[in-house]
Amino acid sequence: RQGHRLSLEVYLTQNPQCINKTFTYQQCQWTPLLAACFYKHTPIVRMLIKRFSANIEATGTIVFDLPANNPERVEDVSALWTAAAVDNIEIARLLI
């Protein structure tokens, strides 16, 4: 979530089974790839896809904080959907 690429790379090297695991953070449920897309960490997305072969079809649950303190929970979203929703065309291109 914080964008610490090196820490994530070390963790996934030691725990390769976690690359497509769904983690829960507050009301969100996402894989490392979905989290990287949500937080717009392009270098991490690139690493997850190229080095660890992350499943780009994996889905999760994202919560968007909308204006007027009205959070919206969206379920079964893909990494591509998430990249588009946060308006990051560079990540969307990587995923396509």
Protein backbone atom coordinates (compact mmCIF):
# COMPACT_ATOMS: atom_id res chain seq x y z
CA ARG A 1 0.00 0.00 0.00
CA GLN A 2 2.85 2.38 0.78
CA GLY A 3 4.73 1.66 -2.43
CA HIS A 4 7.82 0.06 -0.89
CA ARG A 5 8.90 -1.88 -3.95
CA LEU A 6 12.01 -3.47 -2.45
CA SER A 7 10.20 -4.71 0.66
CA LEU A 8 7.45 -6.24 -1.45
CA GLU A 9 9.96 -7.84 -3.80
CA VAL A 10 11.84 -9.46 -0.89
CA TYR A 11 8.58 -10.65 0.70
CA LEU A 12 7.28 -12.19 -2.54
CA THR A 13 10.64 -13.82 -3.28
CA GLN A 14 10.44 -15.53 0.11
CA ASN A 15 6.67 -16.18 -0.13
CA PRO A 16 5.85 -16.74 -3.82
CA GLN A 17 2.50 -18.34 -2.93
CA CYS A 18 1.27 -14.88 -1.82
CA ILE A 19 1.45 -13.23 -5.26
CA ASN A 20 -2.22 -13.96 -6.00
CA LYS A 21 -3.44 -14.21 -2.42
CA THR A 22 -6.31 -11.94 -1.42
CA PHE A 23 -5.50 -9.68 1.53
CA THR A 24 -8.00 -7.66 3.56
CA TYR A 25 -7.32 -4.01 4.36
CA GLN A 26 -10.16 -2.17 6.09
CA GLN A 27 -13.16 -2.90 3.80
CA CYS A 28 -11.04 -3.74 0.75
CA GLN A 29 -10.07 -7.22 -0.34
CA TRP A 30 -7.34 -7.27 -2.93
CA THR A 31 -4.28 -8.98 -4.32
CA PRO A 32 -0.95 -7.14 -4.32
CA LEU A 33 -1.60 -6.25 -7.98
CA LEU A 34 -5.01 -4.73 -7.25
CA ALA A 35 -3.55 -2.68 -4.38
CA ALA A 36 -0.71 -1.43 -6.59
CA CYS A 37 -3.23 -0.41 -9.27
CA PHE A 38 -5.45 1.35 -6.73
CA TYR A 39 -2.54 3.35 -5.29
CA LYS A 40 -1.05 4.05 -8.76
CA HIS A 41 2.32 2.38 -8.11
CA THR A 42 3.33 1.81 -11.74
CA PRO A 43 6.82 0.37 -11.03
CA ILE A 44 5.30 -2.15 -8.63
CA VAL A 45 2.62 -3.17 -11.14
CA ARG A 46 5.36 -3.70 -13.73
CA MET A 47 7.39 -5.82 -11.27
CA LEU A 48 4.37 -7.91 -10.22
CA ILE A 49 3.48 -8.70 -13.81
CA LYS A 50 6.94 -9.26 -15.27
CA ARG A 51 8.89 -10.80 -12.40
CA PHE A 52 6.19 -12.62 -10.44
CA SER A 53 3.60 -13.33 -13.17
CA ALA A 54 0.73 -11.93 -11.13
CA ASN A 55 -2.73 -13.02 -12.25
CA ILE A 56 -4.14 -9.94 -13.99
CA GLU A 57 -7.60 -11.55 -14.04
CA ALA A 58 -7.83 -11.86 -10.24
CA THR A 59 -10.68 -9.86 -8.75
CA GLY A 60 -11.26 -8.13 -5.45
CA THR A 61 -13.28 -5.52 -3.60
CA ILE A 62 -12.39 -1.83 -3.70
CA VAL A 63 -13.82 1.03 -1.62
CA PHE A 64 -13.73 4.51 -3.13
CA ASP A 65 -14.02 7.57 -0.91
CA LEU A 66 -16.41 9.81 -2.77
CA PRO A 67 -17.20 13.45 -1.99
CA ALA A 68 -19.43 14.18 0.99
CA ASN A 69 -18.01 11.21 2.97
CA ASN A 70 -19.95 8.72 0.89
CA PRO A 71 -17.77 5.61 0.37
CA GLU A 72 -18.72 3.30 -2.47
CA ARG A 73 -17.86 -0.40 -2.27
CA VAL A 74 -17.38 -2.15 -5.61
CA GLU A 75 -16.98 -5.92 -5.68
CA ASP A 76 -15.43 -8.30 -8.23
CA VAL A 77 -13.21 -5.70 -9.88
CA SER A 78 -10.13 -6.58 -11.93
CA ALA A 79 -6.78 -4.82 -12.02
CA LEU A 80 -7.66 -3.21 -15.36
CA TRP A 81 -10.99 -1.94 -14.01
CA THR A 82 -9.19 -0.53 -10.96
CA ALA A 83 -6.54 1.22 -13.07
CA ALA A 84 -9.26 2.79 -15.20
CA ALA A 85 -11.30 3.81 -12.14
CA VAL A 86 -8.35 5.66 -10.60
CA ASP A 87 -7.59 7.25 -13.98
CA ASN A 88 -4.16 5.73 -14.55
CA ILE A 89 -3.75 5.11 -18.27
CA GLU A 90 -0.12 3.97 -17.94
CA ILE A 91 -1.07 1.05 -15.70
CA ALA A 92 -4.06 0.25 -17.91
CA ARG A 93 -1.69 -0.01 -20.89
CA LEU A 94 0.60 -2.36 -18.96
CA LEU A 95 -2.35 -4.61 -18.17
CA ILE A 96 -3.66 -4.67 -21.72
